[in-house]
Amino acid sequence: MGSVNETILIVDDHATFRRSARLLLEAEGYRVIGEAEDGRSALSEAESLEPDVVLLDVFLPDLDGFEVASELTGRGLAVVILTSSRDGADFGSLVAESGARGFIPKMQLSGAALDALVGS
């Protein structure tokens, strides 16, 4: 796996998903350096922690995930991978328009899926 040295910030309003994603990615050799539960926290944490990758839920309680992705990529803060429990097809062109590198359904999250989008 080429990107295991990538640092990751996990953004999701559900603590259970953040915990599961952290355990899964760390078990596959990734370094999870932080977590955030909403869009404003995501922007703040991305600025202070400077992760290589932000795994970002589409549905957040304050800001729309696409809006957060656009802000993060527009400022060159990180590669953004969007995630949701819904299928990526539900979002049409919004993923590409947000500047995100891609989309991974939550049920398909894995180090390999992340690596395929982030590249090395």
C-alpha atoms as a PDB file:
ATOM      1  CA  MET A   1       0.000   0.000   0.000  1.00  0.00           C
ATOM      2  CA  GLY A   2       1.615   3.210  -1.167  1.00  0.00           C
ATOM      3  CA  SER A   3      -0.171   5.788   0.956  1.00  0.00           C
ATOM      4  CA  VAL A   4       0.134   4.345   4.435  1.00  0.00           C
ATOM      5  CA  ASN A   5       2.289   7.310   5.409  1.00  0.00           C
ATOM      6  CA  GLU A   6      -0.642   9.618   4.716  1.00  0.00           C
ATOM      7  CA  THR A   7      -2.141  11.358   7.717  1.00  0.00           C
ATOM      8  CA  ILE A   8      -5.925  11.346   7.972  1.00  0.00           C
ATOM      9  CA  LEU A   9      -8.581  13.532   9.593  1.00  0.00           C
ATOM     10  CA  ILE A  10     -11.960  11.793   9.968  1.00  0.00           C
ATOM     11  CA  VAL A  11     -15.023  14.067   9.873  1.00  0.00           C
ATOM     12  CA  ASP A  12     -18.401  12.584  10.793  1.00  0.00           C
ATOM     13  CA  ASP A  13     -21.140  13.571  13.229  1.00  0.00           C
ATOM     14  CA  HIS A  14     -21.472   9.976  14.470  1.00  0.00           C
ATOM     15  CA  ALA A  15     -18.841   9.009  17.046  1.00  0.00           C
ATOM     16  CA  THR A  16     -19.428   5.327  16.305  1.00  0.00           C
ATOM     17  CA  PHE A  17     -18.447   5.759  12.651  1.00  0.00           C
ATOM     18  CA  ARG A  18     -15.391   7.864  13.550  1.00  0.00           C
ATOM     19  CA  ARG A  19     -14.238   5.171  15.970  1.00  0.00           C
ATOM     20  CA  SER A  20     -14.844   2.345  13.468  1.00  0.00           C
ATOM     21  CA  ALA A  21     -13.117   4.201  10.632  1.00  0.00           C
ATOM     22  CA  ARG A  22     -10.141   5.025  12.875  1.00  0.00           C
ATOM     23  CA  LEU A  23      -9.731   1.380  13.969  1.00  0.00           C
ATOM     24  CA  LEU A  24     -10.069   0.090  10.416  1.00  0.00           C
ATOM     25  CA  LEU A  25      -7.622   2.561   8.876  1.00  0.00           C
ATOM     26  CA  GLU A  26      -5.075   2.314  11.682  1.00  0.00           C
ATOM     27  CA  ALA A  27      -5.177  -1.497  11.418  1.00  0.00           C
ATOM     28  CA  GLU A  28      -4.251  -1.061   7.752  1.00  0.00           C
ATOM     29  CA  GLY A  29      -1.296   1.173   8.594  1.00  0.00           C
ATOM     30  CA  TYR A  30      -2.717   4.667   8.174  1.00  0.00           C
ATOM     31  CA  ARG A  31      -2.093   7.436  10.715  1.00  0.00           C
ATOM     32  CA  VAL A  32      -5.335   9.014  11.910  1.00  0.00           C
ATOM     33  CA  ILE A  33      -4.261  12.306  13.448  1.00  0.00           C
ATOM     34  CA  GLY A  34      -7.646  13.735  14.354  1.00  0.00           C
ATOM     35  CA  GLU A  35     -11.415  13.663  14.274  1.00  0.00           C
ATOM     36  CA  ALA A  36     -14.102  16.309  13.887  1.00  0.00           C
ATOM     37  CA  GLU A  37     -17.867  16.085  14.345  1.00  0.00           C
ATOM     38  CA  ASP A  38     -19.024  18.947  12.120  1.00  0.00           C
ATOM     39  CA  GLY A  39     -17.982  21.167   9.232  1.00  0.00           C
ATOM     40  CA  ARG A  40     -16.656  24.105  11.233  1.00  0.00           C
ATOM     41  CA  SER A  41     -14.536  21.788  13.379  1.00  0.00           C
ATOM     42  CA  ALA A  42     -13.315  20.070  10.209  1.00  0.00           C
ATOM     43  CA  LEU A  43     -12.057  23.357   8.770  1.00  0.00           C
ATOM     44  CA  SER A  44     -10.390  24.302  12.045  1.00  0.00           C
ATOM     45  CA  GLU A  45      -8.800  20.863  12.581  1.00  0.00           C
ATOM     46  CA  ALA A  46      -7.587  20.672   8.978  1.00  0.00           C
ATOM     47  CA  GLU A  47      -5.879  24.018   9.379  1.00  0.00           C
ATOM     48  CA  SER A  48      -4.174  23.152  12.671  1.00  0.00           C
ATOM     49  CA  LEU A  49      -3.372  19.451  12.076  1.00  0.00           C
ATOM     50  CA  GLU A  50      -2.510  19.729   8.352  1.00  0.00           C
ATOM     51  CA  PRO A  51      -3.644  16.190   7.407  1.00  0.00           C
ATOM     52  CA  ASP A  52      -2.806  14.806   3.979  1.00  0.00           C
ATOM     53  CA  VAL A  53      -6.323  13.396   3.613  1.00  0.00           C
ATOM     54  CA  VAL A  54      -9.717  14.368   5.031  1.00  0.00           C
ATOM     55  CA  LEU A  55     -12.321  11.587   5.085  1.00  0.00           C
ATOM     56  CA  LEU A  56     -15.456  13.750   5.085  1.00  0.00           C
ATOM     57  CA  ASP A  57     -19.085  12.774   5.628  1.00  0.00           C
ATOM     58  CA  VAL A  58     -21.500  14.408   3.186  1.00  0.00           C
ATOM     59  CA  PHE A  59     -24.189  15.029   5.828  1.00  0.00           C
ATOM     60  CA  LEU A  60     -22.990  17.185   8.724  1.00  0.00           C
ATOM     61  CA  PRO A  61     -25.127  19.044  11.276  1.00  0.00           C
ATOM     62  CA  ASP A  62     -23.863  22.545  10.438  1.00  0.00           C
ATOM     63  CA  LEU A  63     -22.238  22.845   7.014  1.00  0.00           C
ATOM     64  CA  ASP A  64     -22.887  20.711   3.958  1.00  0.00           C
ATOM     65  CA  GLY A  65     -20.023  18.256   3.319  1.00  0.00           C
ATOM     66  CA  PHE A  66     -19.714  19.487  -0.271  1.00  0.00           C
ATOM     67  CA  GLU A  67     -19.288  23.051   1.000  1.00  0.00           C
ATOM     68  CA  VAL A  68     -16.584  21.908   3.448  1.00  0.00           C
ATOM     69  CA  ALA A  69     -14.835  19.913   0.691  1.00  0.00           C
ATOM     70  CA  SER A  70     -14.845  22.933  -1.593  1.00  0.00           C
ATOM     71  CA  GLU A  71     -13.367  25.120   1.148  1.00  0.00           C
ATOM     72  CA  LEU A  72     -10.662  22.574   2.049  1.00  0.00           C
ATOM     73  CA  THR A  73      -9.594  21.917  -1.537  1.00  0.00           C
ATOM     74  CA  GLY A  74      -9.900  25.565  -2.543  1.00  0.00           C
ATOM     75  CA  ARG A  75      -7.443  26.496   0.195  1.00  0.00           C
ATOM     76  CA  GLY A  76      -5.165  23.563  -0.678  1.00  0.00           C
ATOM     77  CA  LEU A  77      -5.477  22.149   2.834  1.00  0.00           C
ATOM     78  CA  ALA A  78      -5.894  18.451   1.999  1.00  0.00           C
ATOM     79  CA  VAL A  79      -7.053  15.796  -0.413  1.00  0.00           C
ATOM     80  CA  VAL A  80     -10.729  15.229   0.371  1.00  0.00           C
ATOM     81  CA  ILE A  81     -12.507  11.890   0.126  1.00  0.00           C
ATOM     82  CA  LEU A  82     -16.253  12.134   0.681  1.00  0.00           C
ATOM     83  CA  THR A  83     -18.237   9.369   2.359  1.00  0.00           C
ATOM     84  CA  SER A  84     -21.860   8.657   3.164  1.00  0.00           C
ATOM     85  CA  SER A  85     -24.154   5.804   4.050  1.00  0.00           C
ATOM     86  CA  ARG A  86     -25.975   6.677   0.812  1.00  0.00           C
ATOM     87  CA  ASP A  87     -24.736   5.587  -2.602  1.00  0.00           C
ATOM     88  CA  GLY A  88     -22.439   7.931  -4.496  1.00  0.00           C
ATOM     89  CA  ALA A  89     -24.823   7.910  -7.464  1.00  0.00           C
ATOM     90  CA  ASP A  90     -27.286   9.851  -5.288  1.00  0.00           C
ATOM     91  CA  PHE A  91     -25.007  12.888  -5.456  1.00  0.00           C
ATOM     92  CA  GLY A  92     -24.507  13.144  -9.214  1.00  0.00           C
ATOM     93  CA  SER A  93     -21.820  15.664 -10.129  1.00  0.00           C
ATOM     94  CA  LEU A  94     -21.656  17.233  -6.644  1.00  0.00           C
ATOM     95  CA  VAL A  95     -18.613  15.119  -5.667  1.00  0.00           C
ATOM     96  CA  ALA A  96     -16.520  16.334  -8.613  1.00  0.00           C
ATOM     97  CA  GLU A  97     -17.780  19.917  -8.322  1.00  0.00           C
ATOM     98  CA  SER A  98     -16.750  20.061  -4.646  1.00  0.00           C
ATOM     99  CA  GLY A  99     -13.110  19.450  -5.518  1.00  0.00           C
ATOM    100  CA  ALA A 100     -13.100  16.114  -3.679  1.00  0.00           C
ATOM    101  CA  ARG A 101     -10.838  13.405  -5.094  1.00  0.00           C
ATOM    102  CA  GLY A 102     -13.651  10.865  -4.901  1.00  0.00           C
ATOM    103  CA  PHE A 103     -16.325   9.108  -2.895  1.00  0.00           C
ATOM    104  CA  ILE A 104     -16.354   5.913  -0.826  1.00  0.00           C
ATOM    105  CA  PRO A 105     -19.630   4.521   0.582  1.00  0.00           C
ATOM    106  CA  LYS A 106     -19.227   3.984   4.343  1.00  0.00           C
ATOM    107  CA  MET A 107     -19.893   0.253   4.014  1.00  0.00           C
ATOM    108  CA  GLN A 108     -17.026  -0.045   1.504  1.00  0.00           C
ATOM    109  CA  LEU A 109     -14.435   1.933   3.453  1.00  0.00           C
ATOM    110  CA  SER A 110     -11.063   0.196   3.487  1.00  0.00           C
ATOM    111  CA  GLY A 111      -7.422   1.073   3.228  1.00  0.00           C
ATOM    112  CA  ALA A 112      -7.396  -0.254  -0.337  1.00  0.00           C
ATOM    113  CA  ALA A 113     -10.393   1.889  -1.335  1.00  0.00           C
ATOM    114  CA  LEU A 114      -8.767   4.955   0.193  1.00  0.00           C
ATOM    115  CA  ASP A 115      -5.431   4.177  -1.407  1.00  0.00           C
ATOM    116  CA  ALA A 116      -7.047   3.804  -4.836  1.00  0.00           C
ATOM    117  CA  LEU A 117      -8.351   7.383  -4.634  1.00  0.00           C
ATOM    118  CA  VAL A 118      -5.464   9.046  -2.841  1.00  0.00           C
ATOM    119  CA  GLY A 119      -2.725   7.296  -4.827  1.00  0.00           C
ATOM    120  CA  SER A 120       0.895   7.335  -3.840  1.00  0.00           C
END
